Structures are given as structure tokens and as C-alpha cells.
Amino acid sequence: MEIAITRMSSKGQVVIPAEMRANIPEGEKLLIIQNGGQIIMKKASELDKNVAEDIEFAKRTEEAWKRIEEGKGIKMDFDKFVEKMKKW
């Protein structure tokens, strides 16, 4: 494991120290994950297909919660919900 220290600029930019970016080509997309007090950065090109699917599911779930909080959700009883799910 390597450890380095960097700083965030007033524009929110963070420089990855040279010794840490040796294997990151210019233009590489990076995935940033915040988990409590941790920030994890991963190369997007190295994501496992399942992780990518999980991230997409998490985004859709977050968007759905926002719609519900804005009062744009659909309410239905449990039996009606199950019937709709069977049709999928």
C-alpha cells in the first residue's frame, strides 16, 4: 500500500501525486466513492461488470427516492404492486 498527501483547491480540484498516477493514463475516467469519512478512487476501466451494474442500480434508486421526496411517486397497495411485478 502506498500513502501520499495532497490538497483540494478552492475549485475542488485534487492533484494525484506523481508516484500514485504512474499507471493512470491521461484521459482515464476515475470512479470516486465516498463512504463515511473515506474517499476511494478507482480506474473506471478496471471496474468489474457487476460493480458497474451495482453503481447504475444505486443511481437509479437515488433518483427514484428524489422523485418520491418531491411527491412524484406512485402509491399502491401491496397486492396491486405484486400484480404489476408479475407482469414485468
Protein backbone atom coordinates (compact mmCIF):
# COMPACT_ATOMS: atom_id res chain seq x y z
CA MET A 1 0.00 0.00 0.00
CA GLU A 2 1.22 3.49 -0.85
CA ILE A 3 0.24 6.62 1.04
CA ALA A 4 0.59 10.23 -0.09
CA ILE A 5 -0.80 13.60 0.94
CA THR A 6 -2.44 16.10 -1.39
CA ARG A 7 -4.71 19.12 -1.09
CA MET A 8 -8.01 20.22 -2.60
CA SER A 9 -8.01 23.59 -4.39
CA SER A 10 -10.69 26.24 -3.99
CA LYS A 11 -12.20 24.87 -7.23
CA GLY A 12 -12.47 21.35 -5.81
CA GLN A 13 -9.52 20.04 -7.82
CA VAL A 14 -7.23 17.42 -6.32
CA VAL A 15 -3.81 16.54 -7.70
CA ILE A 16 -2.94 12.87 -7.64
CA PRO A 17 0.73 12.72 -6.56
CA ALA A 18 3.11 11.70 -9.37
CA GLU A 19 4.12 8.45 -7.71
CA MET A 20 0.43 7.43 -7.49
CA ARG A 21 -0.52 8.25 -11.08
CA ALA A 22 2.24 6.34 -12.89
CA ASN A 23 -0.25 3.67 -14.07
CA ILE A 24 -3.11 6.06 -14.84
CA PRO A 25 -3.08 7.18 -18.48
CA GLU A 26 -4.19 10.70 -19.43
CA GLY A 27 -7.94 10.76 -20.04
CA GLU A 28 -8.64 7.72 -17.82
CA LYS A 29 -12.03 8.02 -16.15
CA LEU A 30 -11.91 7.63 -12.39
CA LEU A 31 -14.70 6.44 -10.14
CA ILE A 32 -14.95 8.31 -6.83
CA ILE A 33 -16.77 6.61 -3.96
CA GLN A 34 -17.48 8.35 -0.67
CA ASN A 35 -18.21 6.08 2.27
CA GLY A 36 -18.48 7.97 5.52
CA GLY A 37 -15.05 9.52 6.10
CA GLN A 38 -13.39 7.57 3.30
CA ILE A 39 -12.95 8.58 -0.33
CA ILE A 40 -11.99 5.76 -2.67
CA MET A 41 -10.78 6.31 -6.22
CA LYS A 42 -10.72 3.52 -8.82
CA LYS A 43 -9.95 3.38 -12.53
CA ALA A 44 -13.26 3.09 -14.33
CA SER A 45 -11.65 0.83 -16.96
CA GLU A 46 -10.90 -1.79 -14.30
CA LEU A 47 -14.43 -2.00 -12.90
CA ASP A 48 -15.96 -5.41 -12.75
CA LYS A 49 -19.20 -5.64 -14.78
CA ASN A 50 -21.14 -6.44 -11.61
CA VAL A 51 -19.80 -3.35 -9.86
CA ALA A 52 -20.83 -1.20 -12.83
CA GLU A 53 -24.33 -2.70 -12.68
CA ASP A 54 -24.48 -2.09 -8.92
CA ILE A 55 -23.48 1.55 -9.40
CA GLU A 56 -26.13 2.03 -12.09
CA PHE A 57 -28.74 0.44 -9.80
CA ALA A 58 -27.66 2.75 -6.95
CA LYS A 59 -28.01 5.81 -9.22
CA ARG A 60 -31.49 4.76 -10.34
CA THR A 61 -32.51 4.10 -6.73
CA GLU A 62 -31.25 7.52 -5.63
CA GLU A 63 -33.15 9.19 -8.49
CA ALA A 64 -36.31 7.29 -7.52
CA TRP A 65 -36.02 8.43 -3.88
CA LYS A 66 -35.62 12.04 -5.03
CA ARG A 67 -38.81 11.74 -7.12
CA ILE A 68 -40.65 10.25 -4.13
CA GLU A 69 -39.43 13.06 -1.86
CA GLU A 70 -40.70 15.58 -4.44
CA GLY A 71 -44.14 13.96 -4.27
CA LYS A 72 -43.84 12.39 -7.73
CA GLY A 73 -44.07 8.79 -6.53
CA ILE A 74 -46.90 6.37 -7.20
CA LYS A 75 -48.77 4.88 -4.25
CA MET A 76 -50.44 1.48 -4.45
CA ASP A 77 -51.35 -1.28 -2.05
CA PHE A 78 -49.20 -4.39 -1.74
CA ASP A 79 -51.44 -6.73 -3.77
CA LYS A 80 -51.61 -4.31 -6.68
CA PHE A 81 -47.83 -3.91 -6.54
CA VAL A 82 -47.31 -7.69 -6.68
CA GLU A 83 -49.65 -7.95 -9.67
CA LYS A 84 -47.69 -5.25 -11.52
CA MET A 85 -44.41 -7.00 -10.73
CA LYS A 86 -45.71 -10.31 -12.12
CA LYS A 87 -46.36 -8.57 -15.45
CA TRP A 88 -42.72 -7.50 -15.75
